[in-house]
Amino acid sequence: MNSRRRIITLTTDFGLRDGTVGAMKGIILDICPEAQVVDVAHDIPAHDVVAGALTLEAAVPYFPKGTIHVAVVDPGVGSARQAVALQTPLCSFVGPDNGIFELVWKSAESNFGLGNMKAVKLSERDFFLKKISPTFHGRDIFAPVAAHLARGTPIGKLGPPATRLQRLGIAETTPLKGGGLQGVVLAFDHFGNAITSIGSEELSSLGPADDLQVTLGRRAIGPLRRTFADVEPGEPLAYIGSTDRLEIAARNQPLRDMLGVETGETVTVRRI
């Protein structure tokens, strides 16, 4: 251990009513008492791996170098799906290989190149708890592995290289004939705002924001706005959210409830 405390973050769909998150923290602190454990989120919608991936995308860039991120949204727990540890020049990730790390891994690859990153399958049981529940790998595998990483265990000792990681299959933004983009609603945040697959860089390729018109399904949302105060209460609006994705909301109301929007709904942006 170096003199700087190692941060381990936890992102799960476990909620806080039960003792699951507390058990993970206990394991981490038992193995690595010097660790600082930080909760990112535990109210990810149950089994929603895409929402978990978006949560990591929003939070990971703001943690110090060397942080270890444990993410457990794991509907395939106990199945043949891999358990993995990933390492970039800035941070590490531990969790199921089900696509939850796809967005942060893709960002790291763009910034550092795949040759500067490592991915391994978790197979060395010396770094797990002795007794492993088939339904609680967060406690029995991922928490102890993260703690051992925080103590200085090299990632290569955790298992063999993972040469192929699972992907979520998130819909790509596609260009439209005559100019424009088409994407989909990926998830909803705490306020019921829709987070889409369309990024701000893609939108910038269409020209000035004032010249763009956003449509959700068959509902015309209007031009891009800067902030919620640009519309009246209850009125829908489209804007660039804090994670640089196009988002659609209703001022002071959950868009999901107001319009009956669901994930997968089509979003189009065209020049006026």
C-alpha atoms as a PDB file:
ATOM      1  CA  MET A   1       0.000   0.000   0.000  1.00  0.00           C
ATOM      2  CA  ASN A   2       1.215   3.480  -0.771  1.00  0.00           C
ATOM      3  CA  SER A   3       0.622   6.308   1.676  1.00  0.00           C
ATOM      4  CA  ARG A   4      -2.443   7.475  -0.208  1.00  0.00           C
ATOM      5  CA  ARG A   5      -5.668   5.713   0.742  1.00  0.00           C
ATOM      6  CA  ARG A   6      -7.098   3.603  -2.056  1.00  0.00           C
ATOM      7  CA  ILE A   7     -10.680   4.382  -2.973  1.00  0.00           C
ATOM      8  CA  ILE A   8     -13.073   1.548  -3.785  1.00  0.00           C
ATOM      9  CA  THR A   9     -16.468   2.545  -5.170  1.00  0.00           C
ATOM     10  CA  LEU A  10     -19.631   0.447  -5.164  1.00  0.00           C
ATOM     11  CA  THR A  11     -22.379   0.595  -7.785  1.00  0.00           C
ATOM     12  CA  THR A  12     -25.207  -1.946  -7.485  1.00  0.00           C
ATOM     13  CA  ASP A  13     -28.903  -2.609  -7.896  1.00  0.00           C
ATOM     14  CA  PHE A  14     -29.064  -4.056  -4.367  1.00  0.00           C
ATOM     15  CA  GLY A  15     -30.831  -1.163  -2.663  1.00  0.00           C
ATOM     16  CA  LEU A  16     -30.181  -0.380   0.993  1.00  0.00           C
ATOM     17  CA  ARG A  17     -33.025  -2.185   2.752  1.00  0.00           C
ATOM     18  CA  ASP A  18     -31.041  -5.386   3.194  1.00  0.00           C
ATOM     19  CA  GLY A  19     -27.531  -6.067   4.432  1.00  0.00           C
ATOM     20  CA  THR A  20     -26.006  -6.827   1.047  1.00  0.00           C
ATOM     21  CA  VAL A  21     -24.111  -3.567   0.580  1.00  0.00           C
ATOM     22  CA  GLY A  22     -23.004  -3.596   4.196  1.00  0.00           C
ATOM     23  CA  ALA A  23     -21.621  -7.117   3.786  1.00  0.00           C
ATOM     24  CA  MET A  24     -19.550  -6.039   0.776  1.00  0.00           C
ATOM     25  CA  LYS A  25     -18.124  -3.118   2.739  1.00  0.00           C
ATOM     26  CA  GLY A  26     -17.308  -5.388   5.653  1.00  0.00           C
ATOM     27  CA  ILE A  27     -15.364  -7.785   3.427  1.00  0.00           C
ATOM     28  CA  ILE A  28     -13.416  -4.933   1.832  1.00  0.00           C
ATOM     29  CA  LEU A  29     -12.460  -3.394   5.164  1.00  0.00           C
ATOM     30  CA  ASP A  30     -11.534  -6.749   6.670  1.00  0.00           C
ATOM     31  CA  ILE A  31      -9.052  -7.415   3.862  1.00  0.00           C
ATOM     32  CA  CYS A  32      -7.923  -3.810   3.365  1.00  0.00           C
ATOM     33  CA  PRO A  33      -8.658  -1.671   6.450  1.00  0.00           C
ATOM     34  CA  GLU A  34      -6.989   1.322   4.823  1.00  0.00           C
ATOM     35  CA  ALA A  35      -9.506   1.419   1.959  1.00  0.00           C
ATOM     36  CA  GLN A  36     -11.977   4.264   1.612  1.00  0.00           C
ATOM     37  CA  VAL A  37     -15.282   2.836   0.384  1.00  0.00           C
ATOM     38  CA  VAL A  38     -17.526   5.228  -1.562  1.00  0.00           C
ATOM     39  CA  ASP A  39     -21.110   4.543  -2.628  1.00  0.00           C
ATOM     40  CA  VAL A  40     -21.860   5.635  -6.195  1.00  0.00           C
ATOM     41  CA  ALA A  41     -25.409   4.253  -6.410  1.00  0.00           C
ATOM     42  CA  HIS A  42     -27.389   1.306  -5.086  1.00  0.00           C
ATOM     43  CA  ASP A  43     -30.787   2.100  -6.577  1.00  0.00           C
ATOM     44  CA  ILE A  44     -30.007   1.111 -10.169  1.00  0.00           C
ATOM     45  CA  PRO A  45     -33.250  -0.437 -11.513  1.00  0.00           C
ATOM     46  CA  ALA A  46     -33.108  -4.164 -10.819  1.00  0.00           C
ATOM     47  CA  HIS A  47     -31.191  -6.107 -13.494  1.00  0.00           C
ATOM     48  CA  ASP A  48     -30.847  -2.987 -15.699  1.00  0.00           C
ATOM     49  CA  VAL A  49     -27.278  -3.395 -16.928  1.00  0.00           C
ATOM     50  CA  VAL A  50     -27.574  -0.453 -19.344  1.00  0.00           C
ATOM     51  CA  ALA A  51     -28.566   1.877 -16.498  1.00  0.00           C
ATOM     52  CA  GLY A  52     -25.577   0.591 -14.542  1.00  0.00           C
ATOM     53  CA  ALA A  53     -23.255   1.281 -17.461  1.00  0.00           C
ATOM     54  CA  LEU A  54     -24.606   4.823 -17.793  1.00  0.00           C
ATOM     55  CA  THR A  55     -24.148   5.404 -14.060  1.00  0.00           C
ATOM     56  CA  LEU A  56     -20.493   4.435 -14.325  1.00  0.00           C
ATOM     57  CA  GLU A  57     -20.069   6.632 -17.386  1.00  0.00           C
ATOM     58  CA  ALA A  58     -21.395   9.590 -15.402  1.00  0.00           C
ATOM     59  CA  ALA A  59     -19.335   9.028 -12.243  1.00  0.00           C
ATOM     60  CA  VAL A  60     -16.020   7.378 -13.078  1.00  0.00           C
ATOM     61  CA  PRO A  61     -14.277  10.389 -14.706  1.00  0.00           C
ATOM     62  CA  TYR A  62     -14.519  12.377 -11.467  1.00  0.00           C
ATOM     63  CA  PHE A  63     -12.650   9.980  -9.180  1.00  0.00           C
ATOM     64  CA  PRO A  64      -8.927  10.196  -8.421  1.00  0.00           C
ATOM     65  CA  LYS A  65      -6.365   8.150 -10.286  1.00  0.00           C
ATOM     66  CA  GLY A  66      -6.040   4.651  -8.852  1.00  0.00           C
ATOM     67  CA  THR A  67      -9.693   4.285  -7.842  1.00  0.00           C
ATOM     68  CA  ILE A  68     -11.121   0.756  -8.016  1.00  0.00           C
ATOM     69  CA  HIS A  69     -14.744   0.604  -9.192  1.00  0.00           C
ATOM     70  CA  VAL A  70     -16.867  -2.401  -8.219  1.00  0.00           C
ATOM     71  CA  ALA A  71     -20.104  -2.630 -10.205  1.00  0.00           C
ATOM     72  CA  VAL A  72     -22.661  -5.369  -9.615  1.00  0.00           C
ATOM     73  CA  VAL A  73     -25.830  -5.336 -11.696  1.00  0.00           C
ATOM     74  CA  ASP A  74     -25.770  -9.015 -12.407  1.00  0.00           C
ATOM     75  CA  PRO A  75     -28.892 -10.826 -13.642  1.00  0.00           C
ATOM     76  CA  GLY A  76     -26.646 -13.684 -14.783  1.00  0.00           C
ATOM     77  CA  VAL A  77     -25.082 -14.333 -11.362  1.00  0.00           C
ATOM     78  CA  GLY A  78     -24.287 -18.014 -10.903  1.00  0.00           C
ATOM     79  CA  SER A  79     -24.396 -18.712 -14.650  1.00  0.00           C
ATOM     80  CA  ALA A  80     -21.503 -19.270 -17.054  1.00  0.00           C
ATOM     81  CA  ARG A  81     -20.904 -15.539 -17.478  1.00  0.00           C
ATOM     82  CA  GLN A  82     -17.334 -14.440 -16.713  1.00  0.00           C
ATOM     83  CA  ALA A  83     -16.209 -12.450 -13.711  1.00  0.00           C
ATOM     84  CA  VAL A  84     -13.568  -9.894 -14.687  1.00  0.00           C
ATOM     85  CA  ALA A  85     -11.146  -7.267 -13.511  1.00  0.00           C
ATOM     86  CA  LEU A  86     -10.164  -4.477 -15.882  1.00  0.00           C
ATOM     87  CA  GLN A  87      -7.384  -1.919 -15.583  1.00  0.00           C
ATOM     88  CA  THR A  88      -6.728   1.354 -17.404  1.00  0.00           C
ATOM     89  CA  PRO A  89      -3.967   3.915 -16.804  1.00  0.00           C
ATOM     90  CA  LEU A  90      -6.398   5.764 -14.508  1.00  0.00           C
ATOM     91  CA  CYS A  91      -8.478   3.184 -12.639  1.00  0.00           C
ATOM     92  CA  SER A  92      -9.635  -0.411 -12.289  1.00  0.00           C
ATOM     93  CA  PHE A  93     -13.010  -2.174 -12.536  1.00  0.00           C
ATOM     94  CA  VAL A  94     -14.261  -5.369 -10.947  1.00  0.00           C
ATOM     95  CA  GLY A  95     -17.566  -7.093 -11.672  1.00  0.00           C
ATOM     96  CA  PRO A  96     -19.498  -9.364 -14.017  1.00  0.00           C
ATOM     97  CA  ASP A  97     -18.644  -9.500 -17.701  1.00  0.00           C
ATOM     98  CA  ASN A  98     -22.120  -8.588 -18.929  1.00  0.00           C
ATOM     99  CA  GLY A  99     -21.513  -5.236 -20.604  1.00  0.00           C
ATOM    100  CA  ILE A 100     -21.730  -3.039 -17.518  1.00  0.00           C
ATOM    101  CA  PHE A 101     -18.192  -1.759 -18.182  1.00  0.00           C
ATOM    102  CA  GLU A 102     -18.679  -1.254 -21.925  1.00  0.00           C
ATOM    103  CA  LEU A 103     -19.028   2.533 -21.933  1.00  0.00           C
ATOM    104  CA  VAL A 104     -16.135   3.273 -19.551  1.00  0.00           C
ATOM    105  CA  TRP A 105     -13.941   0.687 -21.295  1.00  0.00           C
ATOM    106  CA  LYS A 106     -14.713   2.182 -24.701  1.00  0.00           C
ATOM    107  CA  SER A 107     -13.876   5.662 -23.401  1.00  0.00           C
ATOM    108  CA  ALA A 108     -10.580   4.442 -21.948  1.00  0.00           C
ATOM    109  CA  GLU A 109      -9.693   2.702 -25.207  1.00  0.00           C
ATOM    110  CA  SER A 110     -10.308   5.947 -27.077  1.00  0.00           C
ATOM    111  CA  ASN A 111      -8.102   7.894 -24.643  1.00  0.00           C
ATOM    112  CA  PHE A 112      -5.251   5.450 -24.002  1.00  0.00           C
ATOM    113  CA  GLY A 113      -5.359   2.684 -26.617  1.00  0.00           C
ATOM    114  CA  LEU A 114      -6.134  -0.968 -25.953  1.00  0.00           C
ATOM    115  CA  GLY A 115      -2.437  -1.802 -25.608  1.00  0.00           C
ATOM    116  CA  ASN A 116      -2.289   0.249 -22.402  1.00  0.00           C
ATOM    117  CA  MET A 117      -5.212  -1.578 -20.776  1.00  0.00           C
ATOM    118  CA  LYS A 118      -5.572  -4.985 -19.150  1.00  0.00           C
ATOM    119  CA  ALA A 119      -8.516  -7.362 -18.736  1.00  0.00           C
ATOM    120  CA  VAL A 120      -8.438 -10.665 -16.846  1.00  0.00           C
ATOM    121  CA  LYS A 121     -10.898 -13.396 -15.949  1.00  0.00           C
ATOM    122  CA  LEU A 122     -11.243 -13.852 -12.210  1.00  0.00           C
ATOM    123  CA  SER A 123     -10.232 -17.452 -11.641  1.00  0.00           C
ATOM    124  CA  GLU A 124      -7.722 -17.488  -8.760  1.00  0.00           C
ATOM    125  CA  ARG A 125      -9.825 -18.544  -5.782  1.00  0.00           C
ATOM    126  CA  ASP A 126      -7.179 -17.431  -3.275  1.00  0.00           C
ATOM    127  CA  PHE A 127      -8.550 -13.916  -3.794  1.00  0.00           C
ATOM    128  CA  PHE A 128     -12.209 -14.935  -3.194  1.00  0.00           C
ATOM    129  CA  LEU A 129     -13.962 -15.830   0.021  1.00  0.00           C
ATOM    130  CA  LYS A 130     -13.576 -19.494   0.904  1.00  0.00           C
ATOM    131  CA  LYS A 131     -17.307 -20.139   0.631  1.00  0.00           C
ATOM    132  CA  ILE A 132     -18.937 -18.734  -2.515  1.00  0.00           C
ATOM    133  CA  SER A 133     -22.681 -18.317  -2.796  1.00  0.00           C
ATOM    134  CA  PRO A 134     -24.004 -18.872  -6.342  1.00  0.00           C
ATOM    135  CA  THR A 135     -26.263 -15.825  -5.877  1.00  0.00           C
ATOM    136  CA  PHE A 136     -23.964 -13.280  -4.185  1.00  0.00           C
ATOM    137  CA  HIS A 137     -20.754 -12.827  -6.138  1.00  0.00           C
ATOM    138  CA  GLY A 138     -20.690  -9.171  -5.090  1.00  0.00           C
ATOM    139  CA  ARG A 139     -19.806 -10.223  -1.547  1.00  0.00           C
ATOM    140  CA  ASP A 140     -17.880 -13.427  -2.223  1.00  0.00           C
ATOM    141  CA  ILE A 141     -15.860 -12.573  -5.350  1.00  0.00           C
ATOM    142  CA  PHE A 142     -15.974  -8.921  -6.417  1.00  0.00           C
ATOM    143  CA  ALA A 143     -15.567  -7.230  -3.015  1.00  0.00           C
ATOM    144  CA  PRO A 144     -12.587  -9.349  -1.918  1.00  0.00           C
ATOM    145  CA  VAL A 145     -10.895  -9.045  -5.321  1.00  0.00           C
ATOM    146  CA  ALA A 146     -11.229  -5.246  -5.171  1.00  0.00           C
ATOM    147  CA  ALA A 147      -9.759  -5.248  -1.669  1.00  0.00           C
ATOM    148  CA  HIS A 148      -6.777  -7.315  -2.785  1.00  0.00           C
ATOM    149  CA  LEU A 149      -6.206  -4.927  -5.686  1.00  0.00           C
ATOM    150  CA  ALA A 150      -6.276  -2.056  -3.194  1.00  0.00           C
ATOM    151  CA  ARG A 151      -3.619  -3.865  -1.147  1.00  0.00           C
ATOM    152  CA  GLY A 152      -1.368  -3.944  -4.192  1.00  0.00           C
ATOM    153  CA  THR A 153      -2.039  -7.327  -5.801  1.00  0.00           C
ATOM    154  CA  PRO A 154      -1.126  -7.093  -9.517  1.00  0.00           C
ATOM    155  CA  ILE A 155      -4.116  -7.626 -11.773  1.00  0.00           C
ATOM    156  CA  GLY A 156      -2.267 -10.364 -13.657  1.00  0.00           C
ATOM    157  CA  LYS A 157      -2.337 -12.599 -10.562  1.00  0.00           C
ATOM    158  CA  LEU A 158      -6.143 -12.679 -10.518  1.00  0.00           C
ATOM    159  CA  GLY A 159      -6.505 -14.893 -13.590  1.00  0.00           C
ATOM    160  CA  PRO A 160      -5.758 -15.302 -17.303  1.00  0.00           C
ATOM    161  CA  PRO A 161      -6.335 -12.561 -19.875  1.00  0.00           C
ATOM    162  CA  ALA A 162      -9.917 -11.913 -20.938  1.00  0.00           C
ATOM    163  CA  THR A 163      -9.564 -11.591 -24.683  1.00  0.00           C
ATOM    164  CA  ARG A 164     -13.174 -10.803 -25.459  1.00  0.00           C
ATOM    165  CA  LEU A 165     -15.583  -8.818 -23.293  1.00  0.00           C
ATOM    166  CA  GLN A 166     -19.347  -8.939 -23.545  1.00  0.00           C
ATOM    167  CA  ARG A 167     -21.116  -5.991 -25.147  1.00  0.00           C
ATOM    168  CA  LEU A 168     -24.486  -4.519 -24.329  1.00  0.00           C
ATOM    169  CA  GLY A 169     -25.533  -3.998 -27.909  1.00  0.00           C
ATOM    170  CA  ILE A 170     -26.563  -0.403 -27.252  1.00  0.00           C
ATOM    171  CA  ALA A 171     -28.185   1.007 -30.367  1.00  0.00           C
ATOM    172  CA  GLU A 172     -25.795   3.154 -32.354  1.00  0.00           C
ATOM    173  CA  THR A 173     -26.791   6.629 -33.444  1.00  0.00           C
ATOM    174  CA  THR A 174     -27.507   6.526 -37.164  1.00  0.00           C
ATOM    175  CA  PRO A 175     -27.534   9.342 -39.735  1.00  0.00           C
ATOM    176  CA  LEU A 176     -30.811  10.210 -41.458  1.00  0.00           C
ATOM    177  CA  LYS A 177     -31.286  10.988 -45.115  1.00  0.00           C
ATOM    178  CA  GLY A 178     -31.445  14.704 -45.707  1.00  0.00           C
ATOM    179  CA  GLY A 179     -29.482  15.435 -42.535  1.00  0.00           C
ATOM    180  CA  GLY A 180     -30.203  14.433 -38.976  1.00  0.00           C
ATOM    181  CA  LEU A 181     -29.649  11.681 -36.433  1.00  0.00           C
ATOM    182  CA  GLN A 182     -31.682   8.861 -34.986  1.00  0.00           C
ATOM    183  CA  GLY A 183     -31.103   7.253 -31.592  1.00  0.00           C
ATOM    184  CA  VAL A 184     -33.082   5.702 -28.766  1.00  0.00           C
ATOM    185  CA  VAL A 185     -33.951   6.252 -25.112  1.00  0.00           C
ATOM    186  CA  LEU A 186     -31.467   4.192 -23.085  1.00  0.00           C
ATOM    187  CA  ALA A 187     -32.573   4.817 -19.511  1.00  0.00           C
ATOM    188  CA  PHE A 188     -34.208   7.249 -17.082  1.00  0.00           C
ATOM    189  CA  ASP A 189     -32.572   9.149 -14.246  1.00  0.00           C
ATOM    190  CA  HIS A 190     -33.905   9.733 -10.731  1.00  0.00           C
ATOM    191  CA  PHE A 191     -36.159  12.553 -11.966  1.00  0.00           C
ATOM    192  CA  GLY A 192     -37.678  10.534 -14.802  1.00  0.00           C
ATOM    193  CA  ASN A 193     -35.659  12.328 -17.475  1.00  0.00           C
ATOM    194  CA  ALA A 194     -34.865  10.257 -20.571  1.00  0.00           C
ATOM    195  CA  ILE A 195     -31.178   9.649 -21.345  1.00  0.00           C
ATOM    196  CA  THR A 196     -30.575   8.928 -25.020  1.00  0.00           C
ATOM    197  CA  SER A 197     -27.890   7.267 -27.119  1.00  0.00           C
ATOM    198  CA  ILE A 198     -27.129  10.538 -28.954  1.00  0.00           C
ATOM    199  CA  GLY A 199     -23.968  12.314 -27.817  1.00  0.00           C
ATOM    200  CA  SER A 200     -23.182  16.011 -27.885  1.00  0.00           C
ATOM    201  CA  GLU A 201     -20.345  15.570 -30.401  1.00  0.00           C
ATOM    202  CA  GLU A 202     -22.727  13.874 -32.801  1.00  0.00           C
ATOM    203  CA  LEU A 203     -25.203  16.720 -32.389  1.00  0.00           C
ATOM    204  CA  SER A 204     -22.523  19.338 -33.029  1.00  0.00           C
ATOM    205  CA  SER A 205     -21.971  17.819 -36.469  1.00  0.00           C
ATOM    206  CA  LEU A 206     -25.487  18.964 -37.429  1.00  0.00           C
ATOM    207  CA  GLY A 207     -24.772  22.646 -36.947  1.00  0.00           C
ATOM    208  CA  PRO A 208     -26.023  25.326 -34.505  1.00  0.00           C
ATOM    209  CA  ALA A 209     -28.253  24.045 -31.686  1.00  0.00           C
ATOM    210  CA  ASP A 210     -30.891  26.667 -32.478  1.00  0.00           C
ATOM    211  CA  ASP A 211     -31.417  25.027 -35.877  1.00  0.00           C
ATOM    212  CA  LEU A 212     -32.219  21.553 -34.507  1.00  0.00           C
ATOM    213  CA  GLN A 213     -35.624  19.972 -33.872  1.00  0.00           C
ATOM    214  CA  VAL A 214     -36.011  16.968 -31.551  1.00  0.00           C
ATOM    215  CA  THR A 215     -38.761  14.365 -31.847  1.00  0.00           C
ATOM    216  CA  LEU A 216     -39.498  11.597 -29.329  1.00  0.00           C
ATOM    217  CA  GLY A 217     -41.401   8.815 -31.041  1.00  0.00           C
ATOM    218  CA  ARG A 218     -44.064  10.873 -32.852  1.00  0.00           C
ATOM    219  CA  ARG A 219     -44.045  13.697 -30.302  1.00  0.00           C
ATOM    220  CA  ALA A 220     -42.397  16.955 -31.345  1.00  0.00           C
ATOM    221  CA  ILE A 221     -40.287  18.120 -28.395  1.00  0.00           C
ATOM    222  CA  GLY A 222     -38.900  21.290 -29.955  1.00  0.00           C
ATOM    223  CA  PRO A 223     -35.452  22.815 -30.358  1.00  0.00           C
ATOM    224  CA  LEU A 224     -32.513  22.186 -28.073  1.00  0.00           C
ATOM    225  CA  ARG A 225     -32.717  24.173 -24.835  1.00  0.00           C
ATOM    226  CA  ARG A 226     -29.931  25.178 -22.469  1.00  0.00           C
ATOM    227  CA  THR A 227     -31.679  24.541 -19.154  1.00  0.00           C
ATOM    228  CA  PHE A 228     -35.051  23.628 -17.590  1.00  0.00           C
ATOM    229  CA  ALA A 229     -35.954  27.261 -16.940  1.00  0.00           C
ATOM    230  CA  ASP A 230     -36.173  27.826 -20.698  1.00  0.00           C
ATOM    231  CA  VAL A 231     -39.660  26.263 -20.734  1.00  0.00           C
ATOM    232  CA  GLU A 232     -42.806  26.529 -18.632  1.00  0.00           C
ATOM    233  CA  PRO A 233     -43.546  24.012 -15.830  1.00  0.00           C
ATOM    234  CA  GLY A 234     -44.821  20.748 -17.280  1.00  0.00           C
ATOM    235  CA  GLU A 235     -43.503  21.525 -20.756  1.00  0.00           C
ATOM    236  CA  PRO A 236     -41.125  18.998 -22.364  1.00  0.00           C
ATOM    237  CA  LEU A 237     -37.675  20.008 -23.505  1.00  0.00           C
ATOM    238  CA  ALA A 238     -34.526  18.535 -25.035  1.00  0.00           C
ATOM    239  CA  TYR A 239     -31.076  19.536 -23.799  1.00  0.00           C
ATOM    240  CA  ILE A 240     -27.497  18.324 -23.445  1.00  0.00           C
ATOM    241  CA  GLY A 241     -27.224  16.664 -20.053  1.00  0.00           C
ATOM    242  CA  SER A 242     -24.287  16.738 -17.663  1.00  0.00           C
ATOM    243  CA  THR A 243     -22.824  13.559 -19.204  1.00  0.00           C
ATOM    244  CA  ASP A 244     -22.821  15.070 -22.718  1.00  0.00           C
ATOM    245  CA  ARG A 245     -25.766  13.013 -23.930  1.00  0.00           C
ATOM    246  CA  LEU A 246     -28.991  14.332 -25.378  1.00  0.00           C
ATOM    247  CA  GLU A 247     -31.668  14.136 -22.697  1.00  0.00           C
ATOM    248  CA  ILE A 248     -35.398  14.777 -22.827  1.00  0.00           C
ATOM    249  CA  ALA A 249     -37.343  15.933 -19.787  1.00  0.00           C
ATOM    250  CA  ALA A 250     -40.408  17.801 -18.623  1.00  0.00           C
ATOM    251  CA  ARG A 251     -39.868  20.747 -16.316  1.00  0.00           C
ATOM    252  CA  ASN A 252     -40.750  19.815 -12.718  1.00  0.00           C
ATOM    253  CA  GLN A 253     -42.380  16.538 -13.791  1.00  0.00           C
ATOM    254  CA  PRO A 254     -41.112  13.035 -14.617  1.00  0.00           C
ATOM    255  CA  LEU A 255     -41.239  12.737 -18.394  1.00  0.00           C
ATOM    256  CA  ARG A 256     -41.592   8.968 -18.156  1.00  0.00           C
ATOM    257  CA  ASP A 257     -44.892   9.247 -16.303  1.00  0.00           C
ATOM    258  CA  MET A 258     -46.223  12.283 -18.143  1.00  0.00           C
ATOM    259  CA  LEU A 259     -45.791  10.891 -21.659  1.00  0.00           C
ATOM    260  CA  GLY A 260     -45.652   7.160 -20.976  1.00  0.00           C
ATOM    261  CA  VAL A 261     -42.176   6.919 -22.476  1.00  0.00           C
ATOM    262  CA  GLU A 262     -40.227   3.656 -22.259  1.00  0.00           C
ATOM    263  CA  THR A 263     -36.653   2.644 -23.007  1.00  0.00           C
ATOM    264  CA  GLY A 264     -36.034   1.864 -26.664  1.00  0.00           C
ATOM    265  CA  GLU A 265     -38.292   4.647 -27.925  1.00  0.00           C
ATOM    266  CA  THR A 266     -36.932   6.358 -31.030  1.00  0.00           C
ATOM    267  CA  VAL A 267     -35.409   9.826 -30.804  1.00  0.00           C
ATOM    268  CA  THR A 268     -34.715  11.871 -33.936  1.00  0.00           C
ATOM    269  CA  VAL A 269     -32.905  15.171 -34.384  1.00  0.00           C
ATOM    270  CA  ARG A 270     -33.229  17.106 -37.638  1.00  0.00           C
ATOM    271  CA  ARG A 271     -32.160  20.497 -38.870  1.00  0.00           C
ATOM    272  CA  ILE A 272     -35.064  22.911 -39.142  1.00  0.00           C
END
